[in-house]
Amino acid sequence: MPKGIPIDPIIKDEVLASIRDHGMTIREASERFKVDRRCIGRWLGGEVVDGSKNLILENNRLKKKLEIAERVIGRMTLEIQRGKD
């Protein structure tokens, strides 16, 4: 979104819910909702209570790592099964 144009509060809520509840990264949310990453960062920063922002971002980072690990394990399992056939 261009600088200075207000963003609909409904979109803001969707962006924040996607990041907090569904593990979407700030970059993914920025691209999907067409909102600047810095703007999303400010929104998250405004919600910080006792470091909860860091926990949200760390949780999302760990979710992504887990997804990658699960994919790798799935590929390895397939390769092992193919080797047995």
Protein backbone atom coordinates (compact mmCIF):
# COMPACT_ATOMS: atom_id res chain seq x y z
CA MET A 1 0.00 0.00 0.00
CA PRO A 2 1.24 3.49 -0.70
CA LYS A 3 2.51 5.50 2.21
CA GLY A 4 -0.10 7.54 4.05
CA ILE A 5 -3.16 5.57 2.94
CA PRO A 6 -5.08 4.18 5.91
CA ILE A 7 -5.55 0.43 5.98
CA ASP A 8 -8.97 -1.01 6.68
CA PRO A 9 -9.10 -2.29 10.30
CA ILE A 10 -10.61 -5.55 9.02
CA ILE A 11 -7.53 -6.17 6.87
CA LYS A 12 -5.27 -5.26 9.79
CA ASP A 13 -7.08 -7.82 11.98
CA GLU A 14 -6.76 -10.47 9.24
CA VAL A 15 -3.04 -9.77 8.84
CA LEU A 16 -2.37 -9.98 12.57
CA ALA A 17 -4.49 -13.13 12.96
CA SER A 18 -2.64 -14.77 10.07
CA ILE A 19 0.68 -14.07 11.74
CA ARG A 20 -0.35 -14.86 15.31
CA ASP A 21 -2.69 -17.78 14.83
CA HIS A 22 -1.67 -19.41 11.56
CA GLY A 23 2.10 -19.04 11.62
CA MET A 24 2.35 -16.84 8.53
CA THR A 25 5.56 -14.83 8.37
CA ILE A 26 5.55 -11.06 8.14
CA ARG A 27 6.94 -11.31 4.62
CA GLU A 28 4.19 -13.72 3.51
CA ALA A 29 1.49 -11.54 5.07
CA SER A 30 2.97 -8.45 3.45
CA GLU A 31 2.85 -10.05 0.01
CA ARG A 32 -0.57 -11.60 0.45
CA PHE A 33 -2.34 -8.55 1.87
CA LYS A 34 -0.26 -5.92 0.02
CA VAL A 35 0.78 -4.19 3.24
CA ASP A 36 4.32 -2.96 3.88
CA ARG A 37 6.37 -5.20 6.19
CA ARG A 38 7.39 -2.24 8.34
CA CYS A 39 3.73 -1.37 8.88
CA ILE A 40 2.99 -4.93 10.02
CA GLY A 41 6.01 -4.75 12.32
CA ARG A 42 4.64 -1.58 13.89
CA TRP A 43 1.27 -3.23 14.40
CA LEU A 44 2.92 -6.18 16.12
CA GLY A 45 5.08 -3.83 18.17
CA GLY A 46 1.96 -2.04 19.37
CA GLU A 47 0.65 -5.31 20.75
CA VAL A 48 3.73 -6.12 22.79
CA VAL A 49 2.95 -6.98 26.37
CA ASP A 50 5.80 -8.56 28.33
CA GLY A 51 7.69 -9.55 25.18
CA SER A 52 4.80 -11.37 23.49
CA LYS A 53 5.95 -10.09 20.07
CA ASN A 54 9.19 -11.99 20.38
CA LEU A 55 7.30 -15.11 21.38
CA ILE A 56 4.97 -14.82 18.39
CA LEU A 57 7.84 -14.37 15.95
CA GLU A 58 9.86 -17.16 17.56
CA ASN A 59 6.83 -19.46 17.45
CA ASN A 60 6.34 -18.73 13.74
CA ARG A 61 10.03 -19.36 13.05
CA LEU A 62 9.87 -22.71 14.84
CA LYS A 63 6.69 -23.70 12.96
CA LYS A 64 8.46 -23.09 9.66
CA LYS A 65 11.47 -25.15 10.77
CA LEU A 66 9.16 -27.97 11.82
CA GLU A 67 7.40 -27.93 8.43
CA ILE A 68 10.76 -28.17 6.67
CA ALA A 69 11.88 -31.02 8.91
CA GLU A 70 8.62 -32.91 8.29
CA ARG A 71 9.10 -32.56 4.52
CA VAL A 72 12.67 -33.86 4.76
CA ILE A 73 11.57 -36.82 6.88
CA GLY A 74 8.80 -37.58 4.38
CA ARG A 75 11.24 -37.57 1.47
CA MET A 76 13.70 -39.77 3.36
CA THR A 77 10.92 -42.23 4.22
CA LEU A 78 9.91 -42.44 0.55
CA GLU A 79 13.51 -43.06 -0.52
CA ILE A 80 13.87 -45.84 2.06
CA GLN A 81 10.61 -47.46 0.96
CA ARG A 82 11.62 -47.24 -2.72
CA GLY A 83 14.91 -48.92 -1.88
CA LYS A 84 13.10 -51.87 -0.30
CA ASP A 85 10.87 -52.45 -3.35
